[in-house]
Amino acid sequence: MHEALKSARAQQETDEWKRNYAIRAGVEGTIHQATTVTGIRRARYHGLKKTHLDHVYSAVALNLIRLDAWWNGHPIDRTRTSHLARLNLSLVA
């Protein structure tokens, strides 16, 4: 088991693995944004055509949100700040 873990960690240091993981991270980020912003996990309608239309509207909404962020220079991702870091920031201010 140690050898398998060591081999996997060595593989993660290669440029090819990092390139493939960057693609996967982008896709997972898009899926996360779709689930949190538009609530795409549950369809609002019954039927394949209406559900497809709901997904198309959700994709358009995500594209508009991303365009707005790009045009205004706002980052899309919000990094998480721990409770301790927030407490420290409030004490400094």
Protein backbone atom coordinates (compact mmCIF):
# COMPACT_ATOMS: atom_id res chain seq x y z
CA MET A 1 0.00 0.00 0.00
CA HIS A 2 2.90 2.32 0.75
CA GLU A 3 4.40 1.64 -2.68
CA ALA A 4 1.08 2.40 -4.40
CA LEU A 5 0.75 5.68 -2.50
CA LYS A 6 4.35 6.59 -3.30
CA SER A 7 3.79 5.82 -6.99
CA ALA A 8 0.58 7.88 -7.11
CA ARG A 9 2.28 10.86 -5.47
CA ALA A 10 5.18 10.66 -7.91
CA GLN A 11 2.74 10.55 -10.83
CA GLN A 12 1.00 13.68 -9.54
CA GLU A 13 4.22 15.64 -9.96
CA THR A 14 4.28 15.17 -13.76
CA ASP A 15 3.22 17.95 -16.12
CA GLU A 16 0.78 15.68 -17.97
CA TRP A 17 -1.07 14.82 -14.75
CA LYS A 18 -1.26 18.48 -13.75
CA ARG A 19 -2.61 19.41 -17.19
CA ASN A 20 -5.31 16.72 -17.00
CA TYR A 21 -6.21 17.71 -13.45
CA ALA A 22 -6.55 21.37 -14.45
CA ILE A 23 -9.18 20.37 -17.01
CA ARG A 24 -11.02 18.28 -14.42
CA ALA A 25 -10.86 21.08 -11.85
CA GLY A 26 -12.41 23.49 -14.36
CA VAL A 27 -15.26 21.11 -15.10
CA GLU A 28 -15.90 20.43 -11.42
CA GLY A 29 -15.86 24.16 -10.71
CA THR A 30 -18.51 24.70 -13.36
CA ILE A 31 -20.66 21.91 -11.94
CA HIS A 32 -20.29 23.35 -8.43
CA GLN A 33 -21.28 26.79 -9.64
CA ALA A 34 -24.30 25.35 -11.46
CA THR A 35 -25.51 23.52 -8.37
CA THR A 36 -25.02 26.42 -5.97
CA VAL A 37 -26.23 29.28 -8.17
CA THR A 38 -29.05 27.74 -10.17
CA GLY A 39 -30.06 24.72 -8.09
CA ILE A 40 -29.72 22.41 -11.07
CA ARG A 41 -29.86 19.21 -9.00
CA ARG A 42 -33.65 19.32 -8.94
CA ALA A 43 -35.64 20.05 -12.05
CA ARG A 44 -38.53 22.44 -11.61
CA TYR A 45 -40.58 20.69 -14.26
CA HIS A 46 -41.64 17.19 -15.26
CA GLY A 47 -40.78 15.82 -18.65
CA LEU A 48 -37.60 15.61 -20.67
CA LYS A 49 -38.25 18.65 -22.88
CA LYS A 50 -39.04 20.98 -19.99
CA THR A 51 -36.10 19.69 -17.95
CA HIS A 52 -33.79 20.24 -20.92
CA LEU A 53 -35.10 23.78 -21.30
CA ASP A 54 -34.49 24.36 -17.57
CA HIS A 55 -30.88 23.19 -18.00
CA VAL A 56 -30.41 25.47 -21.01
CA TYR A 57 -31.70 28.44 -19.01
CA SER A 58 -29.34 27.54 -16.17
CA ALA A 59 -26.39 27.39 -18.59
CA VAL A 60 -27.32 30.79 -20.03
CA ALA A 61 -27.56 32.23 -16.53
CA LEU A 62 -24.10 30.90 -15.66
CA ASN A 63 -22.66 32.35 -18.85
CA LEU A 64 -24.19 35.75 -18.07
CA ILE A 65 -22.81 35.65 -14.52
CA ARG A 66 -19.36 34.79 -15.85
CA LEU A 67 -19.51 37.51 -18.51
CA ASP A 68 -20.50 40.08 -15.92
CA ALA A 69 -17.63 39.02 -13.67
CA TRP A 70 -15.18 39.14 -16.57
CA TRP A 71 -16.34 42.55 -17.81
CA ASN A 72 -16.20 44.08 -14.33
CA GLY A 73 -12.95 42.41 -13.31
CA HIS A 74 -14.43 40.49 -10.37
CA PRO A 75 -13.13 36.99 -9.66
CA ILE A 76 -15.76 34.27 -9.87
CA ASP A 77 -14.29 32.10 -7.14
CA ARG A 78 -14.65 33.17 -3.57
CA THR A 79 -11.98 31.71 -1.37
CA ARG A 80 -13.08 30.47 2.00
CA THR A 81 -11.86 32.34 5.06
CA SER A 82 -11.65 30.36 8.28
CA HIS A 83 -13.42 31.50 11.44
CA LEU A 84 -10.07 32.16 13.10
CA ALA A 85 -8.88 34.33 10.22
CA ARG A 86 -12.15 36.31 10.28
CA LEU A 87 -11.81 36.80 14.01
CA ASN A 88 -8.25 38.02 13.54
CA LEU A 89 -9.36 40.44 10.82
CA SER A 90 -12.11 41.83 13.03
CA LEU A 91 -9.69 42.37 15.91
CA VAL A 92 -7.20 44.20 13.68
CA ALA A 93 -9.80 46.55 12.20
